[in-house]
């Protein structure tokens, strides 16, 4: 049977359509990974935490914060363990972290003016890192991935804020004792945040100079020692 040019064209078109659909499915599968969904869930939890905490429902706010912290600790492990690291995840995960930390810090500072210096430190640190990342992107260089000290600072932040929220909701401590523990927890967190910022700045500087692999290896060796 003779095959016309039109039929051949239709078959080629159908084949291209099938290939395009398959490619779209693969790309969608790479986007809708479990780690990315966890990061998206953290973003969705932010307004719930703020609404619960500012309306006086401290227990519900603490629950939202604990859930957010658990997903933050798990998403990176799942991504590495099951080979689900994506470019979207590299952007979504830190964005969810910073959004959560910023909103939580603001909410806590509204209730406890004494911790506003910690909030200021947080803002300065994040703006500095944002400027560094922006400078790298402007020079067509990719910012470094999250390091253990960055994650450690995030975990300490979650623990400190969760303890403060729980103590506030329980009302078991006198104001002076509560303020003392709040300052101790936030002080330790602030130290870790500054330490992480310094280590990240070293890597940013190395990326600008074109010596990033050596710098990151040195950072990892410092931890192993």
N, C-alpha and C. Protein backbone atom coordinates (compact mmCIF):
# COMPACT_ATOMS: atom_id res chain seq x y z
N UNK A 1 0.85 -1.20 0.00
CA UNK A 1 0.00 0.00 0.00
C UNK A 1 0.89 1.25 0.00
N UNK A 2 0.52 2.17 -0.84
CA UNK A 2 1.33 3.37 -0.98
C UNK A 2 1.04 4.36 0.17
N UNK A 3 2.11 4.86 0.75
CA UNK A 3 1.98 5.82 1.85
C UNK A 3 2.24 7.22 1.31
N UNK A 4 1.29 8.07 1.46
CA UNK A 4 1.42 9.43 0.94
C UNK A 4 2.29 10.27 1.86
N UNK A 5 2.74 11.39 1.33
CA UNK A 5 3.54 12.31 2.13
C UNK A 5 2.77 12.88 3.29
N UNK A 6 1.47 13.06 3.08
CA UNK A 6 0.64 13.61 4.16
C UNK A 6 0.56 12.65 5.33
N UNK A 7 0.40 11.33 5.01
CA UNK A 7 0.32 10.33 6.07
C UNK A 7 1.64 10.23 6.82
N UNK A 8 2.73 10.31 6.06
CA UNK A 8 4.06 10.28 6.70
C UNK A 8 4.23 11.45 7.64
N UNK A 9 3.78 12.62 7.18
CA UNK A 9 3.87 13.81 8.03
C UNK A 9 3.05 13.68 9.28
N UNK A 10 1.85 13.09 9.14
CA UNK A 10 0.99 12.90 10.31
C UNK A 10 1.63 11.96 11.32
N UNK A 11 2.25 10.89 10.81
CA UNK A 11 2.89 9.94 11.71
C UNK A 11 4.06 10.59 12.45
N UNK A 12 4.84 11.37 11.70
CA UNK A 12 5.97 12.07 12.34
C UNK A 12 5.47 13.07 13.37
N UNK A 13 4.35 13.74 13.02
CA UNK A 13 3.80 14.70 13.97
C UNK A 13 3.30 14.02 15.23
N UNK A 14 2.64 12.87 15.05
CA UNK A 14 2.15 12.12 16.20
C UNK A 14 3.30 11.63 17.07
N UNK A 15 4.39 11.21 16.41
CA UNK A 15 5.55 10.74 17.15
C UNK A 15 6.16 11.87 17.97
N UNK A 16 6.24 13.06 17.36
CA UNK A 16 6.79 14.22 18.08
C UNK A 16 5.89 14.60 19.25
N UNK A 17 4.57 14.52 19.01
CA UNK A 17 3.63 14.82 20.10
C UNK A 17 3.80 13.84 21.25
N UNK A 18 3.98 12.57 20.94
CA UNK A 18 4.17 11.55 21.97
C UNK A 18 5.46 11.81 22.74
N UNK A 19 6.52 12.17 22.00
CA UNK A 19 7.80 12.45 22.64
C UNK A 19 7.69 13.68 23.54
N UNK A 20 6.96 14.70 23.06
CA UNK A 20 6.78 15.92 23.85
C UNK A 20 6.00 15.62 25.12
N UNK A 21 4.95 14.81 24.99
CA UNK A 21 4.16 14.46 26.17
C UNK A 21 4.97 13.66 27.17
N UNK A 22 5.80 12.74 26.65
CA UNK A 22 6.65 11.95 27.53
C UNK A 22 7.67 12.84 28.25
N UNK A 23 8.23 13.82 27.50
CA UNK A 23 9.18 14.75 28.10
C UNK A 23 8.52 15.61 29.17
N UNK A 24 7.29 16.05 28.89
CA UNK A 24 6.56 16.85 29.87
C UNK A 24 6.27 16.05 31.13
N UNK A 25 5.95 14.78 30.96
CA UNK A 25 5.68 13.92 32.11
C UNK A 25 6.94 13.74 32.96
N UNK A 26 8.08 13.57 32.28
CA UNK A 26 9.35 13.42 33.00
C UNK A 26 9.70 14.69 33.77
N UNK A 27 9.48 15.84 33.12
CA UNK A 27 9.77 17.11 33.79
C UNK A 27 8.84 17.33 34.98
N UNK A 28 7.56 16.98 34.80
CA UNK A 28 6.60 17.11 35.89
C UNK A 28 6.97 16.20 37.05
N UNK A 29 7.42 14.99 36.72
CA UNK A 29 7.84 14.05 37.75
C UNK A 29 9.03 14.57 38.52
N UNK A 30 9.94 15.28 37.83
CA UNK A 30 11.10 15.86 38.49
C UNK A 30 10.73 17.04 39.37
N UNK A 31 9.61 17.67 39.06
CA UNK A 31 9.17 18.81 39.87
C UNK A 31 8.37 18.34 41.08
N UNK A 32 7.45 17.41 40.85
CA UNK A 32 6.57 16.94 41.93
C UNK A 32 7.23 15.81 42.72
N UNK A 33 8.41 16.10 43.27
CA UNK A 33 9.10 15.13 44.11
C UNK A 33 8.66 15.31 45.57
N UNK A 34 8.90 14.29 46.36
CA UNK A 34 8.52 14.36 47.77
C UNK A 34 9.24 15.51 48.48
N UNK A 35 10.56 15.71 48.29
CA UNK A 35 11.22 16.84 48.95
C UNK A 35 10.63 18.19 48.55
N UNK A 36 10.31 18.35 47.26
CA UNK A 36 9.73 19.62 46.82
C UNK A 36 8.35 19.84 47.43
N UNK A 37 7.58 18.76 47.55
CA UNK A 37 6.27 18.87 48.18
C UNK A 37 6.41 19.21 49.66
N UNK A 38 7.44 18.68 50.30
CA UNK A 38 7.69 19.03 51.71
C UNK A 38 8.02 20.51 51.85
N UNK A 39 8.85 21.02 50.95
CA UNK A 39 9.20 22.44 51.00
C UNK A 39 7.97 23.31 50.75
N UNK A 40 7.13 22.89 49.81
CA UNK A 40 5.89 23.62 49.54
C UNK A 40 4.97 23.59 50.76
N UNK A 41 4.94 22.45 51.45
CA UNK A 41 4.11 22.35 52.66
C UNK A 41 4.60 23.30 53.74
N UNK A 42 5.92 23.47 53.86
CA UNK A 42 6.47 24.41 54.85
C UNK A 42 6.03 25.84 54.53
N UNK A 43 6.01 26.17 53.26
CA UNK A 43 5.57 27.51 52.87
C UNK A 43 4.10 27.72 53.23
N UNK A 44 3.29 26.69 52.99
CA UNK A 44 1.86 26.78 53.30
C UNK A 44 1.60 26.84 54.80
N UNK A 45 2.50 26.29 55.60
CA UNK A 45 2.33 26.29 57.06
C UNK A 45 2.60 27.67 57.68
N UNK A 46 3.34 28.51 56.96
CA UNK A 46 3.74 29.81 57.53
C UNK A 46 2.55 30.67 57.94
N UNK A 47 1.58 30.92 57.05
CA UNK A 47 0.44 31.75 57.47
C UNK A 47 -0.38 31.12 58.59
N UNK A 48 -0.43 29.79 58.63
CA UNK A 48 -1.17 29.12 59.71
C UNK A 48 -0.49 29.36 61.05
N UNK A 49 0.85 29.26 61.07
CA UNK A 49 1.57 29.55 62.31
C UNK A 49 1.30 30.97 62.77
N UNK A 50 1.44 31.93 61.86
CA UNK A 50 1.25 33.33 62.22
C UNK A 50 -0.15 33.58 62.75
N UNK A 51 -1.16 33.02 62.08
CA UNK A 51 -2.54 33.21 62.50
C UNK A 51 -2.79 32.59 63.87
N UNK A 52 -2.30 31.37 64.08
CA UNK A 52 -2.49 30.70 65.37
C UNK A 52 -1.79 31.47 66.50
N UNK A 53 -0.53 31.83 66.26
CA UNK A 53 0.26 32.43 67.34
C UNK A 53 -0.25 33.81 67.71
N UNK A 54 -0.52 34.63 66.72
CA UNK A 54 -0.94 36.00 67.00
C UNK A 54 -2.36 36.06 67.56
N UNK A 55 -3.15 35.01 67.35
CA UNK A 55 -4.51 34.98 67.92
C UNK A 55 -4.56 34.28 69.28
N UNK A 56 -3.38 33.87 69.76
CA UNK A 56 -3.31 33.28 71.10
C UNK A 56 -3.45 31.77 71.15
N UNK A 57 -3.55 31.11 70.01
CA UNK A 57 -3.63 29.64 69.97
C UNK A 57 -2.21 29.09 69.89
N UNK A 58 -1.50 29.16 71.03
CA UNK A 58 -0.08 28.84 71.06
C UNK A 58 0.18 27.37 70.80
N UNK A 59 -0.68 26.49 71.33
CA UNK A 59 -0.47 25.05 71.13
C UNK A 59 -0.54 24.69 69.65
N UNK A 60 -1.53 25.24 68.95
CA UNK A 60 -1.66 24.98 67.52
C UNK A 60 -0.46 25.56 66.75
N UNK A 61 0.00 26.73 67.17
CA UNK A 61 1.16 27.35 66.53
C UNK A 61 2.40 26.49 66.73
N UNK A 62 2.56 25.96 67.95
CA UNK A 62 3.71 25.10 68.23
C UNK A 62 3.64 23.83 67.39
N UNK A 63 2.44 23.28 67.22
CA UNK A 63 2.29 22.09 66.39
C UNK A 63 2.67 22.36 64.94
N UNK A 64 2.25 23.50 64.41
CA UNK A 64 2.60 23.86 63.03
C UNK A 64 4.11 24.04 62.89
N UNK A 65 4.74 24.62 63.92
CA UNK A 65 6.18 24.85 63.86
C UNK A 65 6.95 23.54 63.94
N UNK A 66 6.51 22.63 64.79
CA UNK A 66 7.17 21.32 64.90
C UNK A 66 7.05 20.55 63.59
N UNK A 67 5.88 20.58 62.98
CA UNK A 67 5.66 19.91 61.70
C UNK A 67 6.56 20.51 60.62
N UNK A 68 6.67 21.83 60.63
CA UNK A 68 7.54 22.51 59.67
C UNK A 68 9.00 22.09 59.88
N UNK A 69 9.42 22.02 61.13
CA UNK A 69 10.80 21.63 61.42
C UNK A 69 11.10 20.20 61.00
N UNK A 70 10.15 19.29 61.20
CA UNK A 70 10.34 17.89 60.81
C UNK A 70 10.50 17.76 59.30
N UNK A 71 9.66 18.46 58.54
CA UNK A 71 9.76 18.38 57.08
C UNK A 71 11.07 18.99 56.61
N UNK A 72 11.55 20.01 57.32
CA UNK A 72 12.81 20.64 56.94
C UNK A 72 13.98 19.68 57.14
N UNK A 73 13.92 18.89 58.21
CA UNK A 73 15.00 17.94 58.47
C UNK A 73 14.95 16.74 57.53
N UNK A 74 13.76 16.39 57.07
CA UNK A 74 13.60 15.19 56.26
C UNK A 74 13.80 15.42 54.77
N UNK A 75 13.44 16.61 54.27
CA UNK A 75 13.43 16.78 52.81
C UNK A 75 14.81 16.61 52.18
N UNK A 76 15.85 17.15 52.84
CA UNK A 76 17.20 17.01 52.30
C UNK A 76 17.65 15.56 52.28
N UNK A 77 17.35 14.83 53.36
CA UNK A 77 17.73 13.42 53.43
C UNK A 77 17.02 12.61 52.35
N UNK A 78 15.74 12.85 52.18
CA UNK A 78 14.97 12.12 51.17
C UNK A 78 15.51 12.43 49.77
N UNK A 79 15.83 13.70 49.53
CA UNK A 79 16.33 14.09 48.20
C UNK A 79 17.63 13.38 47.87
N UNK A 80 18.53 13.31 48.84
CA UNK A 80 19.82 12.65 48.59
C UNK A 80 19.68 11.13 48.56
N UNK A 81 18.87 10.61 49.46
CA UNK A 81 18.74 9.14 49.58
C UNK A 81 18.08 8.53 48.36
N UNK A 82 17.10 9.21 47.79
CA UNK A 82 16.34 8.65 46.68
C UNK A 82 16.61 9.38 45.36
N UNK A 83 17.71 10.11 45.32
CA UNK A 83 18.14 10.80 44.10
C UNK A 83 17.03 11.69 43.55
N UNK A 84 16.50 12.55 44.41
CA UNK A 84 15.43 13.47 44.02
C UNK A 84 15.87 14.93 44.17
N UNK A 85 17.17 15.16 44.03
CA UNK A 85 17.69 16.52 44.08
C UNK A 85 17.35 17.22 42.77
N UNK A 86 16.68 18.36 42.83
CA UNK A 86 16.29 19.10 41.64
C UNK A 86 16.72 20.56 41.77
N UNK A 87 16.80 21.23 40.62
CA UNK A 87 17.14 22.65 40.64
C UNK A 87 16.06 23.45 41.36
N UNK A 88 14.79 23.06 41.17
CA UNK A 88 13.70 23.73 41.87
C UNK A 88 13.83 23.55 43.37
N UNK A 89 14.20 22.33 43.78
CA UNK A 89 14.36 22.07 45.21
C UNK A 89 15.46 22.90 45.84
N UNK A 90 16.54 23.16 45.09
CA UNK A 90 17.64 23.96 45.61
C UNK A 90 17.21 25.40 45.87
N UNK A 91 16.16 25.84 45.18
CA UNK A 91 15.63 27.19 45.39
C UNK A 91 14.50 27.18 46.42
N UNK A 92 13.63 26.17 46.29
CA UNK A 92 12.44 26.10 47.13
C UNK A 92 12.78 25.85 48.60
N UNK A 93 13.73 24.97 48.86
CA UNK A 93 14.08 24.61 50.24
C UNK A 93 14.61 25.81 51.04
N UNK A 94 15.63 26.52 50.56
CA UNK A 94 16.09 27.68 51.32
C UNK A 94 15.05 28.80 51.41
N UNK A 95 14.24 28.95 50.36
CA UNK A 95 13.19 29.97 50.41
C UNK A 95 12.20 29.65 51.53
N UNK A 96 11.81 28.37 51.63
CA UNK A 96 10.89 27.96 52.70
C UNK A 96 11.52 28.19 54.06
N UNK A 97 12.81 27.89 54.18
CA UNK A 97 13.52 28.11 55.45
C UNK A 97 13.48 29.58 55.85
N UNK A 98 13.88 30.44 54.93
CA UNK A 98 14.00 31.86 55.25
C UNK A 98 12.63 32.48 55.52
N UNK A 99 11.64 32.09 54.74
CA UNK A 99 10.30 32.62 54.95
C UNK A 99 9.78 32.21 56.33
N UNK A 100 9.96 30.94 56.68
CA UNK A 100 9.50 30.46 57.98
C UNK A 100 10.23 31.17 59.11
N UNK A 101 11.55 31.24 59.02
CA UNK A 101 12.33 31.87 60.07
C UNK A 101 11.97 33.34 60.23
N UNK A 102 11.80 34.04 59.10
CA UNK A 102 11.49 35.46 59.18
C UNK A 102 10.14 35.73 59.82
N UNK A 103 9.11 34.99 59.39
CA UNK A 103 7.77 35.19 59.93
C UNK A 103 7.71 34.81 61.40
N UNK A 104 8.34 33.69 61.76
CA UNK A 104 8.34 33.26 63.16
C UNK A 104 9.06 34.28 64.04
N UNK A 105 10.22 34.76 63.58
CA UNK A 105 10.97 35.74 64.35
C UNK A 105 10.17 37.02 64.55
N UNK A 106 9.47 37.47 63.52
CA UNK A 106 8.65 38.68 63.63
C UNK A 106 7.51 38.46 64.63
N UNK A 107 6.85 37.31 64.54
CA UNK A 107 5.74 37.01 65.45
C UNK A 107 6.21 36.99 66.91
N UNK A 108 7.35 36.33 67.15
CA UNK A 108 7.88 36.27 68.51
C UNK A 108 8.27 37.65 69.00
N UNK A 109 8.89 38.43 68.11
CA UNK A 109 9.34 39.77 68.51
C UNK A 109 8.16 40.69 68.82
N UNK A 110 7.02 40.47 68.17
CA UNK A 110 5.85 41.29 68.46
C UNK A 110 5.34 41.06 69.88
N UNK A 111 5.48 39.83 70.37
CA UNK A 111 5.04 39.51 71.73
C UNK A 111 6.10 39.80 72.77
N UNK A 112 7.39 39.68 72.36
CA UNK A 112 8.48 39.88 73.31
C UNK A 112 9.49 40.87 72.74
N UNK A 113 9.31 42.16 73.01
CA UNK A 113 10.20 43.19 72.46
C UNK A 113 11.68 42.99 72.81
N UNK A 114 11.95 42.26 73.89
CA UNK A 114 13.34 42.09 74.34
C UNK A 114 14.18 41.30 73.34
N UNK A 115 13.54 40.50 72.48
CA UNK A 115 14.31 39.69 71.54
C UNK A 115 14.44 40.36 70.17
N UNK A 116 14.05 41.62 70.08
CA UNK A 116 14.15 42.29 68.79
C UNK A 116 15.59 42.43 68.27
N UNK A 117 16.60 42.53 69.15
CA UNK A 117 17.98 42.52 68.63
C UNK A 117 18.30 41.23 67.87
N UNK A 118 17.76 40.10 68.31
CA UNK A 118 17.95 38.84 67.60
C UNK A 118 17.31 38.92 66.22
N UNK A 119 16.14 39.52 66.15
CA UNK A 119 15.47 39.69 64.87
C UNK A 119 16.30 40.55 63.94
N UNK A 120 16.90 41.60 64.48
CA UNK A 120 17.75 42.47 63.67
C UNK A 120 18.95 41.69 63.13
N UNK A 121 19.57 40.86 63.99
CA UNK A 121 20.69 40.04 63.55
C UNK A 121 20.27 39.10 62.43
N UNK A 122 19.11 38.51 62.58
CA UNK A 122 18.59 37.60 61.55
C UNK A 122 18.41 38.34 60.22
N UNK A 123 17.85 39.54 60.28
CA UNK A 123 17.60 40.31 59.06
C UNK A 123 18.92 40.68 58.37
N UNK A 124 19.89 41.13 59.18
CA UNK A 124 21.20 41.51 58.62
C UNK A 124 21.87 40.31 57.96
N UNK A 125 21.84 39.16 58.64
CA UNK A 125 22.47 37.94 58.10
C UNK A 125 21.82 37.54 56.77
N UNK A 126 20.49 37.51 56.76
CA UNK A 126 19.80 37.05 55.55
C UNK A 126 19.97 38.02 54.39
N UNK A 127 19.94 39.33 54.68
CA UNK A 127 20.15 40.31 53.62
C UNK A 127 21.56 40.22 53.06
N UNK A 128 22.53 39.97 53.94
CA UNK A 128 23.91 39.84 53.49
C UNK A 128 24.08 38.64 52.57
N UNK A 129 23.49 37.51 52.98
CA UNK A 129 23.59 36.31 52.14
C UNK A 129 22.83 36.47 50.83
N UNK A 130 21.71 37.19 50.89
CA UNK A 130 20.95 37.44 49.67
C UNK A 130 21.75 38.30 48.70
N UNK A 131 22.43 39.30 49.23
CA UNK A 131 23.27 40.16 48.38
C UNK A 131 24.42 39.36 47.76
N UNK A 132 25.03 38.48 48.55
CA UNK A 132 26.12 37.65 48.03
C UNK A 132 25.61 36.74 46.92
N UNK A 133 24.46 36.11 47.14
CA UNK A 133 23.89 35.23 46.12
C UNK A 133 23.54 36.01 44.86
N UNK A 134 22.99 37.22 45.05
CA UNK A 134 22.66 38.05 43.90
C UNK A 134 23.89 38.45 43.10
N UNK A 135 24.98 38.73 43.81
CA UNK A 135 26.23 39.09 43.13
C UNK A 135 26.75 37.93 42.31
N UNK A 136 26.66 36.72 42.88
CA UNK A 136 27.13 35.54 42.15
C UNK A 136 26.29 35.31 40.89
N UNK A 137 24.98 35.43 41.02
CA UNK A 137 24.11 35.23 39.86
C UNK A 137 24.36 36.29 38.79
N UNK A 138 24.64 37.51 39.23
CA UNK A 138 24.93 38.57 38.28
C UNK A 138 26.18 38.27 37.48
N UNK A 139 27.13 37.58 38.11
CA UNK A 139 28.37 37.19 37.43
C UNK A 139 28.26 35.80 36.80
N UNK A 140 27.02 35.30 36.70
CA UNK A 140 26.74 34.00 36.08
C UNK A 140 27.46 32.86 36.81
N UNK A 141 27.48 32.96 38.12
CA UNK A 141 28.05 31.90 38.96
C UNK A 141 26.95 31.36 39.87
N UNK A 142 27.00 30.07 40.14
CA UNK A 142 25.95 29.42 40.93
C UNK A 142 26.32 29.45 42.42
N UNK A 143 25.42 29.92 43.29
CA UNK A 143 25.68 29.90 44.74
C UNK A 143 25.85 28.47 45.23
N UNK A 144 26.55 28.32 46.34
CA UNK A 144 26.81 26.99 46.87
C UNK A 144 25.55 26.37 47.46
N UNK A 145 25.55 25.04 47.56
CA UNK A 145 24.44 24.33 48.17
C UNK A 145 24.51 24.49 49.70
N UNK A 146 23.41 24.10 50.36
CA UNK A 146 23.36 24.22 51.83
C UNK A 146 24.41 23.32 52.47
N UNK A 147 25.04 23.82 53.52
CA UNK A 147 26.06 23.09 54.27
C UNK A 147 25.52 22.68 55.63
N UNK A 148 26.30 21.81 56.31
CA UNK A 148 25.84 21.29 57.60
C UNK A 148 25.64 22.39 58.62
N UNK A 149 26.51 23.42 58.59
CA UNK A 149 26.40 24.48 59.59
C UNK A 149 25.18 25.35 59.34
N UNK A 150 24.80 25.49 58.07
CA UNK A 150 23.57 26.22 57.77
C UNK A 150 22.35 25.47 58.27
N UNK A 151 22.33 24.15 58.03
CA UNK A 151 21.23 23.32 58.52
C UNK A 151 21.21 23.29 60.04
N UNK A 152 22.41 23.25 60.66
CA UNK A 152 22.48 23.23 62.13
C UNK A 152 21.90 24.50 62.72
N UNK A 153 22.20 25.64 62.08
CA UNK A 153 21.65 26.91 62.55
C UNK A 153 20.13 26.91 62.41
N UNK A 154 19.63 26.32 61.32
CA UNK A 154 18.18 26.25 61.12
C UNK A 154 17.52 25.37 62.16
N UNK A 155 18.14 24.21 62.45
CA UNK A 155 17.58 23.30 63.46
C UNK A 155 17.58 23.96 64.83
N UNK A 156 18.67 24.65 65.17
CA UNK A 156 18.74 25.35 66.45
C UNK A 156 17.67 26.43 66.53
N UNK A 157 17.43 27.09 65.41
CA UNK A 157 16.39 28.12 65.37
C UNK A 157 15.03 27.50 65.68
N UNK A 158 14.71 26.39 65.01
CA UNK A 158 13.43 25.73 65.23
C UNK A 158 13.29 25.28 66.68
N UNK A 159 14.34 24.68 67.22
CA UNK A 159 14.28 24.18 68.60
C UNK A 159 14.07 25.34 69.58
N UNK A 160 14.86 26.40 69.40
CA UNK A 160 14.77 27.55 70.32
C UNK A 160 13.39 28.18 70.28
N UNK A 161 12.90 28.44 69.07
CA UNK A 161 11.60 29.09 68.94
C UNK A 161 10.48 28.18 69.44
N UNK A 162 10.59 26.87 69.14
CA UNK A 162 9.57 25.93 69.61
C UNK A 162 9.51 25.90 71.14
N UNK A 163 10.68 25.88 71.79
CA UNK A 163 10.72 25.88 73.25
C UNK A 163 10.12 27.16 73.81
N UNK A 164 10.45 28.29 73.18
CA UNK A 164 9.91 29.57 73.64
C UNK A 164 8.39 29.60 73.49
N UNK A 165 7.91 29.13 72.35
CA UNK A 165 6.46 29.12 72.11
C UNK A 165 5.76 28.22 73.13
N UNK A 166 6.34 27.04 73.38
CA UNK A 166 5.74 26.11 74.34
C UNK A 166 5.75 26.69 75.75
N UNK A 167 6.89 27.30 76.15
CA UNK A 167 6.97 27.90 77.48
C UNK A 167 5.97 29.05 77.61
N UNK A 168 5.83 29.81 76.55
CA UNK A 168 4.87 30.91 76.56
C UNK A 168 3.45 30.39 76.71
N UNK A 169 3.14 29.33 75.97
CA UNK A 169 1.79 28.79 76.04
C UNK A 169 1.48 28.12 77.36
N UNK A 170 2.49 27.43 77.94
CA UNK A 170 2.28 26.72 79.20
C UNK A 170 2.16 27.68 80.37
N UNK A 171 2.89 28.79 80.32
CA UNK A 171 2.84 29.77 81.40
C UNK A 171 3.32 29.24 82.73
N UNK A 172 4.27 28.30 82.70
CA UNK A 172 4.75 27.68 83.93
C UNK A 172 5.89 28.44 84.57
N UNK A 173 6.47 29.40 83.85
CA UNK A 173 7.63 30.12 84.37
C UNK A 173 7.27 31.57 84.68
N UNK A 174 7.96 32.11 85.66
CA UNK A 174 7.81 33.52 85.96
C UNK A 174 8.45 34.33 84.83
N UNK A 175 8.01 35.56 84.65
CA UNK A 175 8.53 36.37 83.54
C UNK A 175 10.05 36.46 83.50
N UNK A 176 10.68 36.66 84.69
CA UNK A 176 12.14 36.79 84.71
C UNK A 176 12.82 35.50 84.26
N UNK A 177 12.33 34.37 84.76
CA UNK A 177 12.91 33.07 84.37
C UNK A 177 12.69 32.80 82.90
N UNK A 178 11.49 33.12 82.42
CA UNK A 178 11.18 32.92 81.01
C UNK A 178 12.12 33.75 80.13
N UNK A 179 12.30 35.02 80.47
CA UNK A 179 13.17 35.89 79.68
C UNK A 179 14.61 35.39 79.69
N UNK A 180 15.06 34.84 80.84
CA UNK A 180 16.43 34.33 80.93
C UNK A 180 16.63 33.17 79.96
N UNK A 181 15.72 32.20 79.99
CA UNK A 181 15.83 31.04 79.12
C UNK A 181 15.67 31.43 77.65
N UNK A 182 14.79 32.37 77.38
CA UNK A 182 14.61 32.83 76.00
C UNK A 182 15.89 33.45 75.46
N UNK A 183 16.54 34.26 76.29
CA UNK A 183 17.78 34.90 75.85
C UNK A 183 18.91 33.89 75.68
N UNK A 184 18.97 32.88 76.54
CA UNK A 184 20.01 31.86 76.41
C UNK A 184 19.83 31.09 75.11
N UNK A 185 18.60 30.64 74.85
CA UNK A 185 18.34 29.87 73.64
C UNK A 185 18.60 30.68 72.38
N UNK A 186 18.11 31.90 72.37
CA UNK A 186 18.30 32.75 71.19
C UNK A 186 19.75 33.18 71.04
N UNK A 187 20.44 33.34 72.17
CA UNK A 187 21.86 33.69 72.12
C UNK A 187 22.68 32.59 71.47
N UNK A 188 22.43 31.34 71.87
CA UNK A 188 23.13 30.20 71.26
C UNK A 188 22.81 30.10 69.77
N UNK A 189 21.54 30.32 69.44
CA UNK A 189 21.14 30.28 68.03
C UNK A 189 21.83 31.39 67.24
N UNK A 190 21.92 32.57 67.83
CA UNK A 190 22.57 33.69 67.15
C UNK A 190 24.04 33.41 66.89
N UNK A 191 24.71 32.78 67.87
CA UNK A 191 26.13 32.42 67.68
C UNK A 191 26.28 31.46 66.49
N UNK A 192 25.40 30.47 66.42
CA UNK A 192 25.47 29.51 65.32
C UNK A 192 25.15 30.17 63.99
N UNK A 193 24.22 31.11 63.99
CA UNK A 193 23.89 31.83 62.76
C UNK A 193 25.07 32.64 62.26
N UNK A 194 25.76 33.32 63.17
CA UNK A 194 26.94 34.11 62.78
C UNK A 194 28.04 33.20 62.25
N UNK A 195 28.25 32.07 62.94
CA UNK A 195 29.27 31.10 62.51
C UNK A 195 28.96 30.60 61.10
N UNK A 196 27.69 30.24 60.85
CA UNK A 196 27.30 29.77 59.53
C UNK A 196 27.49 30.86 58.48
N UNK A 197 27.15 32.08 58.82
CA UNK A 197 27.30 33.19 57.87
C UNK A 197 28.76 33.39 57.49
N UNK A 198 29.66 33.29 58.46
CA UNK A 198 31.09 33.45 58.18
C UNK A 198 31.59 32.35 57.26
N UNK A 199 31.18 31.10 57.54
CA UNK A 199 31.61 29.98 56.71
C UNK A 199 31.07 30.11 55.29
N UNK A 200 29.81 30.50 55.18
CA UNK A 200 29.22 30.69 53.85
C UNK A 200 29.93 31.82 53.10
N UNK A 201 30.30 32.88 53.81
CA UNK A 201 30.97 34.00 53.16
C UNK A 201 32.30 33.58 52.57
N UNK A 202 32.99 32.67 53.25
CA UNK A 202 34.27 32.17 52.71
C UNK A 202 34.05 31.45 51.38
N UNK A 203 32.97 30.66 51.32
CA UNK A 203 32.69 29.94 50.08
C UNK A 203 32.25 30.89 48.98
N UNK A 204 31.43 31.88 49.32
CA UNK A 204 31.02 32.88 48.34
C UNK A 204 32.24 33.58 47.74
N UNK A 205 33.17 33.95 48.62
CA UNK A 205 34.38 34.62 48.15
C UNK A 205 35.21 33.71 47.25
N UNK A 206 35.27 32.42 47.62
CA UNK A 206 36.01 31.47 46.80
C UNK A 206 35.36 31.28 45.43
N UNK A 207 34.03 31.26 45.39
CA UNK A 207 33.32 31.12 44.11
C UNK A 207 33.63 32.31 43.21
N UNK A 208 33.67 33.50 43.80
CA UNK A 208 33.99 34.69 43.01
C UNK A 208 35.41 34.61 42.45
N UNK A 209 36.32 34.01 43.22
CA UNK A 209 37.71 33.90 42.79
C UNK A 209 37.95 32.70 41.89
N UNK A 210 36.92 31.82 41.78
CA UNK A 210 37.09 30.63 40.94
C UNK A 210 37.77 29.48 41.64
N UNK A 211 37.82 29.49 42.97
CA UNK A 211 38.47 28.41 43.73
C UNK A 211 37.46 27.71 44.63
N UNK A 212 36.22 27.62 44.18
CA UNK A 212 35.14 27.06 45.01
C UNK A 212 35.35 25.61 45.41
N UNK A 213 35.73 24.70 44.50
CA UNK A 213 35.88 23.29 44.91
C UNK A 213 36.89 23.12 46.05
N UNK A 214 38.03 23.81 45.96
CA UNK A 214 39.04 23.71 47.01
C UNK A 214 38.51 24.25 48.33
N UNK A 215 37.75 25.36 48.25
CA UNK A 215 37.23 25.97 49.47
C UNK A 215 36.20 25.06 50.14
N UNK A 216 35.31 24.45 49.33
CA UNK A 216 34.29 23.58 49.91
C UNK A 216 34.94 22.34 50.50
N UNK A 217 35.97 21.81 49.85
CA UNK A 217 36.65 20.64 50.38
C UNK A 217 37.33 20.97 51.70
N UNK A 218 37.91 22.17 51.78
CA UNK A 218 38.55 22.61 53.02
C UNK A 218 37.53 22.74 54.13
N UNK A 219 36.35 23.28 53.79
CA UNK A 219 35.28 23.41 54.79
C UNK A 219 34.88 22.04 55.33
N UNK A 220 34.72 21.05 54.43
CA UNK A 220 34.33 19.72 54.85
C UNK A 220 35.42 19.05 55.70
N UNK A 221 36.69 19.27 55.32
CA UNK A 221 37.78 18.71 56.10
C UNK A 221 37.85 19.31 57.48
N UNK A 222 37.50 20.60 57.59
CA UNK A 222 37.50 21.26 58.88
C UNK A 222 36.49 20.60 59.80
N UNK A 223 35.32 20.23 59.24
CA UNK A 223 34.28 19.57 60.04
C UNK A 223 34.73 18.17 60.45
N UNK A 224 35.37 17.44 59.51
CA UNK A 224 35.76 16.06 59.83
C UNK A 224 36.85 16.02 60.87
N UNK A 225 37.66 17.07 60.95
CA UNK A 225 38.70 17.11 61.96
C UNK A 225 38.11 17.32 63.35
